[in-house]
N, C-alpha and C. Protein backbone atom coordinates (compact mmCIF):
# COMPACT_ATOMS: atom_id res chain seq x y z
N UNK A 1 66.01 -75.51 13.12
CA UNK A 1 67.26 -76.28 12.87
C UNK A 1 67.04 -77.74 13.10
N UNK A 2 66.15 -78.09 14.02
CA UNK A 2 65.92 -79.52 14.26
C UNK A 2 65.28 -80.16 13.07
N UNK A 3 64.46 -79.45 12.36
CA UNK A 3 63.82 -79.98 11.14
C UNK A 3 64.90 -80.19 10.08
N UNK A 4 65.79 -79.23 9.94
CA UNK A 4 66.91 -79.36 9.00
C UNK A 4 67.83 -80.55 9.36
N UNK A 5 68.05 -80.72 10.62
CA UNK A 5 68.91 -81.89 11.11
C UNK A 5 68.18 -83.16 10.70
N UNK A 6 66.90 -83.26 10.93
CA UNK A 6 66.19 -84.51 10.57
C UNK A 6 66.22 -84.74 9.06
N UNK A 7 66.10 -83.65 8.28
CA UNK A 7 66.19 -83.76 6.83
C UNK A 7 67.54 -84.30 6.37
N UNK A 8 68.61 -83.87 7.00
CA UNK A 8 69.92 -84.36 6.67
C UNK A 8 70.14 -85.79 7.10
N UNK A 9 69.57 -86.17 8.21
CA UNK A 9 69.70 -87.55 8.68
C UNK A 9 68.97 -88.47 7.68
N UNK A 10 67.77 -88.04 7.27
CA UNK A 10 67.01 -88.86 6.29
C UNK A 10 67.77 -88.93 4.98
N UNK A 11 68.38 -87.86 4.54
CA UNK A 11 69.16 -87.83 3.32
C UNK A 11 70.37 -88.75 3.40
N UNK A 12 71.08 -88.74 4.56
CA UNK A 12 72.21 -89.63 4.72
C UNK A 12 71.80 -91.10 4.74
N UNK A 13 70.69 -91.42 5.34
CA UNK A 13 70.15 -92.78 5.38
C UNK A 13 69.74 -93.17 3.96
N UNK A 14 69.22 -92.29 3.16
CA UNK A 14 68.83 -92.65 1.79
C UNK A 14 70.02 -92.89 0.92
N UNK A 15 71.14 -92.39 1.28
CA UNK A 15 72.40 -92.57 0.47
C UNK A 15 73.02 -93.98 0.71
N UNK A 16 72.55 -94.67 1.76
CA UNK A 16 73.13 -96.02 2.02
C UNK A 16 72.68 -96.98 0.90
N UNK A 17 73.64 -97.86 0.55
CA UNK A 17 73.22 -98.83 -0.42
C UNK A 17 72.24 -99.84 0.27
N UNK A 18 71.33 -100.46 -0.54
CA UNK A 18 70.38 -101.40 0.03
C UNK A 18 71.10 -102.68 0.54
N UNK A 19 70.51 -103.23 1.58
CA UNK A 19 71.04 -104.48 2.05
C UNK A 19 71.05 -104.55 3.55
N UNK A 20 71.16 -105.76 4.10
CA UNK A 20 71.14 -105.92 5.57
C UNK A 20 72.42 -105.47 6.28
N UNK A 21 73.53 -105.24 5.50
CA UNK A 21 74.81 -104.89 6.10
C UNK A 21 74.77 -103.46 6.65
N UNK A 22 73.88 -102.66 6.20
CA UNK A 22 73.88 -101.22 6.60
C UNK A 22 72.74 -100.97 7.58
N UNK A 23 73.10 -100.38 8.67
CA UNK A 23 72.14 -100.10 9.73
C UNK A 23 71.75 -98.63 9.64
N UNK A 24 70.49 -98.26 9.36
CA UNK A 24 70.12 -96.81 9.26
C UNK A 24 70.16 -96.13 10.65
N UNK A 25 70.24 -96.85 11.71
CA UNK A 25 70.28 -96.26 13.02
C UNK A 25 71.72 -96.08 13.53
N UNK A 26 72.66 -96.05 12.56
CA UNK A 26 74.08 -95.86 12.84
C UNK A 26 74.28 -94.53 13.57
N UNK A 27 75.08 -94.52 14.66
CA UNK A 27 75.31 -93.24 15.38
C UNK A 27 76.07 -92.23 14.56
N UNK A 28 76.76 -92.67 13.52
CA UNK A 28 77.50 -91.76 12.70
C UNK A 28 76.54 -90.70 12.01
N UNK A 29 75.34 -91.20 11.61
CA UNK A 29 74.37 -90.34 11.00
C UNK A 29 73.85 -89.29 11.99
N UNK A 30 73.68 -89.70 13.22
CA UNK A 30 73.23 -88.79 14.26
C UNK A 30 74.26 -87.71 14.51
N UNK A 31 75.51 -88.07 14.31
CA UNK A 31 76.61 -87.09 14.59
C UNK A 31 76.86 -86.17 13.38
N UNK A 32 76.72 -86.66 12.18
CA UNK A 32 76.97 -85.88 10.97
C UNK A 32 75.83 -84.94 10.64
N UNK A 33 74.61 -85.34 10.87
CA UNK A 33 73.38 -84.55 10.45
C UNK A 33 73.41 -83.16 11.12
N UNK A 34 73.68 -83.00 12.42
CA UNK A 34 73.66 -81.59 12.99
C UNK A 34 74.76 -80.73 12.37
N UNK A 35 75.92 -81.30 12.06
CA UNK A 35 76.97 -80.53 11.46
C UNK A 35 76.59 -80.06 10.08
N UNK A 36 76.04 -80.99 9.26
CA UNK A 36 75.60 -80.60 7.95
C UNK A 36 74.49 -79.56 8.01
N UNK A 37 73.58 -79.65 8.94
CA UNK A 37 72.48 -78.71 9.12
C UNK A 37 73.03 -77.34 9.48
N UNK A 38 74.01 -77.32 10.39
CA UNK A 38 74.65 -76.07 10.83
C UNK A 38 75.35 -75.40 9.64
N UNK A 39 76.10 -76.15 8.83
CA UNK A 39 76.74 -75.62 7.63
C UNK A 39 75.75 -75.07 6.66
N UNK A 40 74.62 -75.78 6.50
CA UNK A 40 73.59 -75.31 5.59
C UNK A 40 72.99 -74.02 6.10
N UNK A 41 72.72 -73.91 7.39
CA UNK A 41 72.15 -72.72 7.98
C UNK A 41 73.11 -71.50 7.82
N UNK A 42 74.40 -71.79 8.06
CA UNK A 42 75.37 -70.66 7.90
C UNK A 42 75.53 -70.25 6.43
N UNK A 43 75.34 -71.13 5.48
CA UNK A 43 75.36 -70.79 4.09
C UNK A 43 74.18 -69.87 3.73
N UNK A 44 73.02 -70.17 4.32
CA UNK A 44 71.86 -69.32 4.17
C UNK A 44 72.09 -67.97 4.84
N UNK A 45 72.76 -67.94 5.98
CA UNK A 45 73.11 -66.65 6.63
C UNK A 45 74.02 -65.81 5.75
N UNK A 46 74.97 -66.47 5.05
CA UNK A 46 75.85 -65.78 4.19
C UNK A 46 75.13 -65.08 3.08
N UNK A 47 74.05 -65.65 2.57
CA UNK A 47 73.26 -65.00 1.54
C UNK A 47 72.68 -63.72 2.10
N UNK A 48 72.18 -63.72 3.31
CA UNK A 48 71.67 -62.52 3.93
C UNK A 48 72.71 -61.49 4.18
N UNK A 49 73.89 -61.93 4.54
CA UNK A 49 75.01 -61.01 4.79
C UNK A 49 75.54 -60.37 3.55
N UNK A 50 75.29 -60.99 2.35
CA UNK A 50 75.80 -60.42 1.13
C UNK A 50 75.01 -59.22 0.65
N UNK A 51 73.87 -58.93 1.34
CA UNK A 51 73.08 -57.78 0.99
C UNK A 51 73.13 -56.79 2.15
N UNK A 52 73.60 -55.55 1.95
CA UNK A 52 73.74 -54.59 3.05
C UNK A 52 72.41 -54.21 3.70
N UNK A 53 71.28 -54.43 2.97
CA UNK A 53 69.99 -54.14 3.58
C UNK A 53 69.59 -55.10 4.63
N UNK A 54 70.14 -56.36 4.61
CA UNK A 54 69.78 -57.37 5.53
C UNK A 54 70.99 -57.84 6.39
N UNK A 55 72.14 -57.26 6.14
CA UNK A 55 73.37 -57.70 6.81
C UNK A 55 73.30 -57.45 8.33
N UNK A 56 73.84 -58.34 9.12
CA UNK A 56 73.91 -58.19 10.53
C UNK A 56 75.33 -58.33 11.02
N UNK A 57 75.88 -59.51 10.85
CA UNK A 57 77.23 -59.78 11.31
C UNK A 57 78.31 -59.04 10.50
N UNK A 58 78.06 -58.86 9.21
CA UNK A 58 79.05 -58.19 8.36
C UNK A 58 78.72 -56.70 8.11
N UNK A 59 77.79 -56.14 8.88
CA UNK A 59 77.37 -54.80 8.66
C UNK A 59 78.56 -53.81 8.85
N UNK A 60 79.38 -54.03 9.84
CA UNK A 60 80.56 -53.15 10.10
C UNK A 60 81.51 -53.27 8.92
N UNK A 61 81.62 -54.39 8.33
CA UNK A 61 82.50 -54.59 7.14
C UNK A 61 81.96 -53.80 5.95
N UNK A 62 80.63 -53.86 5.76
CA UNK A 62 79.99 -53.09 4.72
C UNK A 62 80.30 -51.57 4.90
N UNK A 63 80.20 -51.10 6.14
CA UNK A 63 80.44 -49.73 6.43
C UNK A 63 81.93 -49.37 6.07
N UNK A 64 82.84 -50.21 6.53
CA UNK A 64 84.22 -49.95 6.21
C UNK A 64 84.55 -49.93 4.78
N UNK A 65 83.96 -50.84 3.99
CA UNK A 65 84.14 -50.86 2.55
C UNK A 65 83.63 -49.56 1.89
N UNK A 66 82.56 -49.04 2.46
CA UNK A 66 81.90 -47.84 1.89
C UNK A 66 82.51 -46.57 2.40
N UNK A 67 83.48 -46.64 3.30
CA UNK A 67 84.12 -45.43 3.83
C UNK A 67 83.31 -44.80 4.92
N UNK A 68 82.58 -45.51 5.63
CA UNK A 68 81.78 -44.97 6.76
C UNK A 68 82.40 -45.47 8.11
N UNK A 69 82.32 -44.73 9.13
CA UNK A 69 81.71 -43.44 9.25
C UNK A 69 82.47 -42.41 8.49
N UNK A 70 81.80 -41.44 7.97
CA UNK A 70 82.31 -40.43 7.08
C UNK A 70 82.96 -39.32 7.85
N UNK A 71 84.15 -38.87 7.35
CA UNK A 71 84.84 -37.78 8.04
C UNK A 71 84.18 -36.42 7.83
N UNK A 72 83.28 -36.32 6.77
CA UNK A 72 82.60 -35.09 6.57
C UNK A 72 81.36 -34.90 7.44
N UNK A 73 80.59 -35.92 7.58
CA UNK A 73 79.38 -35.85 8.39
C UNK A 73 79.49 -36.89 9.47
N UNK A 74 79.63 -36.45 10.69
CA UNK A 74 79.68 -37.36 11.85
C UNK A 74 78.49 -37.12 12.73
N UNK A 75 77.65 -38.10 12.85
CA UNK A 75 76.49 -37.98 13.72
C UNK A 75 76.65 -38.92 14.86
N UNK A 76 76.71 -38.39 16.07
CA UNK A 76 76.93 -39.23 17.27
C UNK A 76 75.64 -39.98 17.57
N UNK A 77 75.79 -41.13 18.08
CA UNK A 77 74.66 -41.94 18.57
C UNK A 77 73.64 -42.24 17.45
N UNK A 78 74.10 -42.65 16.30
CA UNK A 78 73.18 -43.04 15.22
C UNK A 78 72.61 -44.42 15.51
N UNK A 79 71.34 -44.63 15.21
CA UNK A 79 70.72 -45.89 15.42
C UNK A 79 71.17 -46.76 14.22
N UNK A 80 70.94 -48.07 14.33
CA UNK A 80 71.21 -49.00 13.29
C UNK A 80 70.42 -48.70 11.98
N UNK A 81 69.19 -48.25 12.16
CA UNK A 81 68.41 -47.89 11.00
C UNK A 81 68.99 -46.66 10.31
N UNK A 82 69.45 -45.65 11.06
CA UNK A 82 70.09 -44.48 10.44
C UNK A 82 71.42 -44.86 9.79
N UNK A 83 72.19 -45.73 10.42
CA UNK A 83 73.45 -46.19 9.84
C UNK A 83 73.24 -46.94 8.57
N UNK A 84 72.18 -47.83 8.55
CA UNK A 84 71.86 -48.57 7.38
C UNK A 84 71.42 -47.66 6.19
N UNK A 85 70.61 -46.63 6.56
CA UNK A 85 70.17 -45.70 5.58
C UNK A 85 71.36 -44.90 4.98
N UNK A 86 72.30 -44.53 5.84
CA UNK A 86 73.52 -43.81 5.46
C UNK A 86 74.33 -44.71 4.51
N UNK A 87 74.45 -45.98 4.87
CA UNK A 87 75.20 -46.97 4.03
C UNK A 87 74.55 -47.09 2.68
N UNK A 88 73.23 -47.27 2.59
CA UNK A 88 72.55 -47.44 1.37
C UNK A 88 72.63 -46.21 0.50
N UNK A 89 72.56 -45.06 1.13
CA UNK A 89 72.72 -43.79 0.37
C UNK A 89 74.10 -43.72 -0.22
N UNK A 90 75.10 -44.18 0.49
CA UNK A 90 76.51 -44.13 0.00
C UNK A 90 76.66 -45.13 -1.18
N UNK A 91 76.05 -46.31 -1.06
CA UNK A 91 76.23 -47.30 -2.06
C UNK A 91 75.47 -46.95 -3.35
N UNK A 92 74.35 -46.25 -3.19
CA UNK A 92 73.49 -45.96 -4.36
C UNK A 92 73.69 -44.57 -4.89
N UNK A 93 74.68 -43.86 -4.31
CA UNK A 93 74.96 -42.47 -4.71
C UNK A 93 75.42 -42.41 -6.15
N UNK A 94 74.85 -41.48 -6.90
CA UNK A 94 75.29 -41.27 -8.28
C UNK A 94 75.66 -39.81 -8.37
N UNK A 95 76.92 -39.51 -8.67
CA UNK A 95 77.38 -38.16 -8.76
C UNK A 95 77.24 -37.55 -10.14
N UNK A 96 77.71 -36.33 -10.30
CA UNK A 96 77.64 -35.68 -11.58
C UNK A 96 78.73 -34.61 -11.67
N UNK A 97 78.93 -34.01 -12.79
CA UNK A 97 79.93 -32.98 -12.96
C UNK A 97 79.22 -31.65 -13.22
N UNK A 98 77.91 -31.59 -13.12
CA UNK A 98 77.20 -30.38 -13.47
C UNK A 98 77.13 -29.41 -12.34
N UNK A 99 76.98 -28.14 -12.59
CA UNK A 99 76.81 -27.13 -11.56
C UNK A 99 75.57 -27.45 -10.72
N UNK A 100 74.49 -27.85 -11.44
CA UNK A 100 73.23 -28.12 -10.73
C UNK A 100 73.37 -29.29 -9.74
N UNK A 101 74.25 -30.24 -9.94
CA UNK A 101 74.46 -31.31 -9.00
C UNK A 101 74.99 -30.74 -7.69
N UNK A 102 76.01 -29.85 -7.75
CA UNK A 102 76.55 -29.27 -6.51
C UNK A 102 75.59 -28.34 -5.81
N UNK A 103 74.82 -27.66 -6.59
CA UNK A 103 73.76 -26.77 -5.97
C UNK A 103 72.69 -27.61 -5.26
N UNK A 104 72.33 -28.71 -5.85
CA UNK A 104 71.29 -29.61 -5.20
C UNK A 104 71.93 -30.36 -4.04
N UNK A 105 73.20 -30.70 -4.15
CA UNK A 105 73.90 -31.32 -3.01
C UNK A 105 73.90 -30.39 -1.78
N UNK A 106 74.23 -29.15 -2.02
CA UNK A 106 74.22 -28.15 -0.94
C UNK A 106 72.83 -27.93 -0.39
N UNK A 107 71.82 -27.89 -1.28
CA UNK A 107 70.44 -27.76 -0.88
C UNK A 107 69.96 -28.91 -0.01
N UNK A 108 70.45 -30.14 -0.32
CA UNK A 108 70.05 -31.30 0.50
C UNK A 108 70.62 -31.19 1.92
N UNK A 109 71.67 -30.40 2.11
CA UNK A 109 72.24 -30.16 3.41
C UNK A 109 71.70 -28.95 4.09
N UNK A 110 70.80 -28.21 3.37
CA UNK A 110 70.18 -27.02 3.91
C UNK A 110 70.94 -25.70 3.62
N UNK A 111 71.81 -25.73 2.58
CA UNK A 111 72.55 -24.52 2.21
C UNK A 111 72.23 -24.03 0.81
N UNK A 112 72.18 -22.80 0.62
CA UNK A 112 71.94 -22.15 -0.67
C UNK A 112 73.26 -21.67 -1.16
N UNK A 113 73.70 -22.13 -2.38
CA UNK A 113 74.98 -21.69 -2.89
C UNK A 113 74.84 -21.20 -4.31
N UNK A 114 75.79 -20.49 -4.80
CA UNK A 114 75.96 -20.19 -6.23
C UNK A 114 77.37 -20.57 -6.59
N UNK A 115 77.58 -20.77 -7.87
CA UNK A 115 78.87 -21.21 -8.35
C UNK A 115 79.39 -20.24 -9.39
N UNK A 116 80.63 -19.79 -9.22
CA UNK A 116 81.33 -18.96 -10.24
C UNK A 116 82.41 -19.75 -10.83
N UNK A 117 82.52 -19.66 -12.17
CA UNK A 117 83.63 -20.26 -12.92
C UNK A 117 84.50 -19.15 -13.50
N UNK A 118 85.73 -19.45 -13.61
CA UNK A 118 86.71 -18.43 -14.09
C UNK A 118 87.30 -18.85 -15.44
N UNK A 119 87.72 -17.85 -16.17
CA UNK A 119 88.44 -18.04 -17.43
C UNK A 119 89.67 -17.17 -17.47
N UNK A 120 90.72 -17.65 -18.15
CA UNK A 120 91.93 -16.81 -18.27
C UNK A 120 91.62 -15.53 -19.04
N UNK A 121 92.46 -14.54 -18.77
CA UNK A 121 92.29 -13.26 -19.50
C UNK A 121 92.72 -13.39 -20.93
N UNK A 122 91.95 -12.78 -21.82
CA UNK A 122 92.27 -12.70 -23.24
C UNK A 122 92.41 -11.22 -23.63
N UNK A 123 93.17 -11.00 -24.66
CA UNK A 123 93.44 -9.63 -25.10
C UNK A 123 92.13 -8.92 -25.44
N UNK A 124 91.15 -9.59 -26.03
CA UNK A 124 89.93 -8.94 -26.46
C UNK A 124 88.93 -8.69 -25.33
N UNK A 125 89.28 -9.14 -24.12
CA UNK A 125 88.39 -8.95 -22.95
C UNK A 125 88.39 -7.50 -22.54
N UNK A 126 87.32 -7.07 -21.88
CA UNK A 126 87.29 -5.67 -21.37
C UNK A 126 88.37 -5.42 -20.34
N UNK A 127 88.75 -4.23 -20.15
CA UNK A 127 89.87 -3.85 -19.27
C UNK A 127 89.54 -4.18 -17.86
N UNK A 128 88.26 -4.22 -17.43
CA UNK A 128 87.97 -4.56 -16.02
C UNK A 128 88.09 -6.04 -15.70
N UNK A 129 88.25 -6.86 -16.72
CA UNK A 129 88.37 -8.32 -16.55
C UNK A 129 89.65 -8.62 -15.73
N UNK A 130 89.53 -9.46 -14.71
CA UNK A 130 90.73 -9.79 -13.90
C UNK A 130 91.82 -10.52 -14.75
N UNK A 131 93.05 -10.27 -14.43
CA UNK A 131 94.17 -10.88 -15.13
C UNK A 131 94.40 -12.25 -14.52
N UNK A 132 93.78 -13.31 -15.16
CA UNK A 132 93.91 -14.69 -14.68
C UNK A 132 94.66 -15.53 -15.68
N UNK A 133 95.49 -16.42 -15.17
CA UNK A 133 96.32 -17.32 -15.98
C UNK A 133 95.53 -18.56 -16.41
N UNK A 134 96.19 -19.43 -17.16
CA UNK A 134 95.59 -20.64 -17.67
C UNK A 134 95.08 -21.62 -16.60
N UNK A 135 95.69 -21.60 -15.43
CA UNK A 135 95.25 -22.51 -14.35
C UNK A 135 93.82 -22.20 -13.84
N UNK A 136 93.32 -21.03 -14.19
CA UNK A 136 91.97 -20.66 -13.74
C UNK A 136 90.91 -21.35 -14.52
N UNK A 137 91.24 -22.04 -15.56
CA UNK A 137 90.27 -22.94 -16.27
C UNK A 137 89.77 -24.02 -15.31
N UNK A 138 90.61 -24.41 -14.38
CA UNK A 138 90.30 -25.49 -13.46
C UNK A 138 89.91 -25.06 -12.03
N UNK A 139 89.56 -23.78 -11.95
CA UNK A 139 89.20 -23.23 -10.61
C UNK A 139 87.76 -22.75 -10.67
N UNK A 140 87.01 -23.05 -9.65
CA UNK A 140 85.65 -22.60 -9.50
C UNK A 140 85.40 -22.16 -8.04
N UNK A 141 84.40 -21.41 -7.80
CA UNK A 141 84.13 -20.81 -6.48
C UNK A 141 82.73 -21.08 -6.03
N UNK A 142 82.65 -21.55 -4.78
CA UNK A 142 81.31 -21.73 -4.13
C UNK A 142 81.03 -20.52 -3.30
N UNK A 143 79.91 -19.90 -3.56
CA UNK A 143 79.51 -18.71 -2.76
C UNK A 143 78.37 -19.17 -1.85
N UNK A 144 78.57 -19.00 -0.51
CA UNK A 144 77.58 -19.46 0.42
C UNK A 144 77.48 -18.45 1.58
N UNK A 145 76.34 -18.52 2.24
CA UNK A 145 76.19 -17.66 3.39
C UNK A 145 77.08 -18.18 4.53
N UNK A 146 77.53 -17.30 5.34
CA UNK A 146 78.37 -17.66 6.45
C UNK A 146 77.54 -18.46 7.47
N UNK A 147 78.15 -19.48 8.07
CA UNK A 147 77.37 -20.31 9.03
C UNK A 147 77.41 -19.80 10.48
N UNK A 148 78.34 -18.88 10.71
CA UNK A 148 78.46 -18.37 12.07
C UNK A 148 78.41 -16.86 12.06
N UNK A 149 78.61 -16.29 13.20
CA UNK A 149 78.56 -14.84 13.34
C UNK A 149 79.88 -14.28 12.81
N UNK A 150 79.79 -13.09 12.29
CA UNK A 150 80.90 -12.35 11.79
C UNK A 150 81.69 -11.83 12.99
N UNK A 151 83.01 -11.99 13.05
CA UNK A 151 83.82 -11.54 14.13
C UNK A 151 84.74 -10.47 13.72
N UNK A 152 84.49 -9.18 14.00
CA UNK A 152 85.34 -8.14 13.52
C UNK A 152 86.62 -8.04 14.37
N UNK A 153 87.59 -7.40 13.77
CA UNK A 153 88.84 -7.08 14.49
C UNK A 153 88.56 -6.04 15.57
N UNK A 154 89.10 -6.26 16.80
CA UNK A 154 88.90 -5.37 17.89
C UNK A 154 90.30 -4.88 18.35
N UNK A 155 90.48 -3.62 18.38
CA UNK A 155 91.73 -3.01 18.73
C UNK A 155 92.16 -3.40 20.11
N UNK A 156 91.23 -3.46 21.06
CA UNK A 156 91.57 -3.77 22.45
C UNK A 156 91.85 -5.19 22.74
N UNK A 157 91.33 -6.14 21.85
CA UNK A 157 91.53 -7.56 22.20
C UNK A 157 92.11 -8.42 21.11
N UNK A 158 92.24 -7.87 19.88
CA UNK A 158 92.79 -8.67 18.76
C UNK A 158 94.26 -8.48 18.62
N UNK A 159 94.89 -9.53 18.08
CA UNK A 159 96.35 -9.44 17.81
C UNK A 159 96.59 -8.85 16.41
N UNK A 160 97.79 -8.35 16.28
CA UNK A 160 98.13 -7.66 14.99
C UNK A 160 97.99 -8.54 13.77
N UNK A 161 98.33 -9.82 13.92
CA UNK A 161 98.26 -10.76 12.71
C UNK A 161 96.88 -11.30 12.43
N UNK A 162 95.88 -10.93 13.22
CA UNK A 162 94.46 -11.37 13.00
C UNK A 162 93.87 -10.63 11.81
N UNK A 163 92.93 -11.25 11.02
CA UNK A 163 92.27 -10.55 9.95
C UNK A 163 91.36 -9.53 10.50
N UNK A 164 90.97 -8.60 9.60
CA UNK A 164 90.04 -7.53 10.00
C UNK A 164 88.67 -8.07 10.29
N UNK A 165 88.26 -9.08 9.58
CA UNK A 165 86.99 -9.75 9.79
C UNK A 165 87.20 -11.26 9.58
N UNK A 166 86.55 -12.10 10.37
CA UNK A 166 86.62 -13.55 10.13
C UNK A 166 85.23 -14.13 10.27
N UNK A 167 84.98 -15.20 9.50
CA UNK A 167 83.72 -15.85 9.53
C UNK A 167 83.94 -17.31 9.86
N UNK A 168 82.91 -17.96 10.35
CA UNK A 168 83.02 -19.42 10.57
C UNK A 168 82.86 -20.07 9.23
N UNK A 169 83.67 -21.10 8.98
CA UNK A 169 83.58 -21.82 7.70
C UNK A 169 82.56 -22.96 7.83
N UNK A 170 82.04 -23.34 6.71
CA UNK A 170 81.06 -24.45 6.66
C UNK A 170 81.88 -25.72 6.38
N UNK A 171 82.32 -26.38 7.43
CA UNK A 171 83.17 -27.52 7.25
C UNK A 171 82.52 -28.70 6.56
N UNK A 172 81.22 -28.90 6.85
CA UNK A 172 80.50 -30.03 6.24
C UNK A 172 80.41 -29.81 4.71
N UNK A 173 79.97 -28.63 4.32
CA UNK A 173 79.84 -28.32 2.90
C UNK A 173 81.25 -28.38 2.19
N UNK A 174 82.23 -27.78 2.84
CA UNK A 174 83.58 -27.79 2.20
C UNK A 174 84.09 -29.22 2.06
N UNK A 175 83.92 -30.03 3.02
CA UNK A 175 84.41 -31.39 3.04
C UNK A 175 83.73 -32.16 1.87
N UNK A 176 82.41 -32.10 1.81
CA UNK A 176 81.69 -32.86 0.81
C UNK A 176 82.00 -32.37 -0.64
N UNK A 177 82.06 -31.05 -0.79
CA UNK A 177 82.41 -30.54 -2.14
C UNK A 177 83.82 -30.95 -2.52
N UNK A 178 84.76 -30.84 -1.63
CA UNK A 178 86.15 -31.25 -1.92
C UNK A 178 86.29 -32.79 -2.25
N UNK A 179 85.43 -33.52 -1.54
CA UNK A 179 85.45 -34.98 -1.81
C UNK A 179 84.87 -35.37 -3.12
N UNK A 180 83.81 -34.63 -3.56
CA UNK A 180 83.10 -35.02 -4.75
C UNK A 180 83.50 -34.23 -5.99
N UNK A 181 84.35 -33.24 -5.89
CA UNK A 181 84.74 -32.41 -7.05
C UNK A 181 85.65 -33.22 -7.91
N UNK A 182 85.73 -32.87 -9.22
CA UNK A 182 86.70 -33.51 -10.09
C UNK A 182 88.13 -33.29 -9.53
N UNK A 183 88.92 -34.29 -9.57
CA UNK A 183 90.29 -34.22 -8.89
C UNK A 183 91.20 -33.22 -9.48
N UNK A 184 90.99 -32.77 -10.73
CA UNK A 184 91.92 -31.89 -11.37
C UNK A 184 91.49 -30.43 -11.18
N UNK A 185 90.47 -30.21 -10.40
CA UNK A 185 89.97 -28.81 -10.23
C UNK A 185 90.30 -28.33 -8.81
N UNK A 186 90.21 -26.98 -8.62
CA UNK A 186 90.41 -26.32 -7.38
C UNK A 186 89.12 -25.62 -7.02
N UNK A 187 88.71 -25.68 -5.77
CA UNK A 187 87.51 -25.00 -5.34
C UNK A 187 87.87 -23.95 -4.29
N UNK A 188 87.34 -22.77 -4.56
CA UNK A 188 87.45 -21.68 -3.55
C UNK A 188 86.10 -21.53 -2.86
N UNK A 189 86.08 -21.16 -1.62
CA UNK A 189 84.86 -21.00 -0.88
C UNK A 189 84.77 -19.54 -0.46
N UNK A 190 83.69 -18.86 -0.80
CA UNK A 190 83.53 -17.49 -0.41
C UNK A 190 82.25 -17.39 0.43
N UNK A 191 82.38 -16.77 1.59
CA UNK A 191 81.20 -16.65 2.51
C UNK A 191 80.80 -15.19 2.48
N UNK A 192 79.52 -14.98 2.16
CA UNK A 192 79.03 -13.65 2.06
C UNK A 192 77.95 -13.37 3.11
């Protein structure tokens, strides 16, 4: 910064018109040069802050703009490097509407899924075909393994309104799929 201050002082002295009336050792130049150097330095800092890969002071703002921390995946005690990688992944993310995209998304989280799509019933369909209405054009189902242990109904300890069997749901997968699915569609989750 001292070198930049000297450069500004030299620049200010060079802007003086020639002649004996102007003193290059004027204290005004000594006072203005550090301020101009500090403004110059902060402008250079702003260039660094404009890139999320090098941002420091505005990093929290970059995260807020990108919707981080994410309500779907919360990792406690993330390092700055992990947070920066998460931010860059969010900014560079390219989605898709294909089945393969959602299968690969689940695989990146460590889950194996299949996808079923539904169609409304037509008269020419076989008799075993489910009777589905037009809204089923916009419904699809994710089939995934249960993430927790199966909990059966127990006569001695379960209440009457409890289901016969319950599974733990995969909240991370459900949250991400619901966030990234087309907004006009409905997703069902089946745990097998």
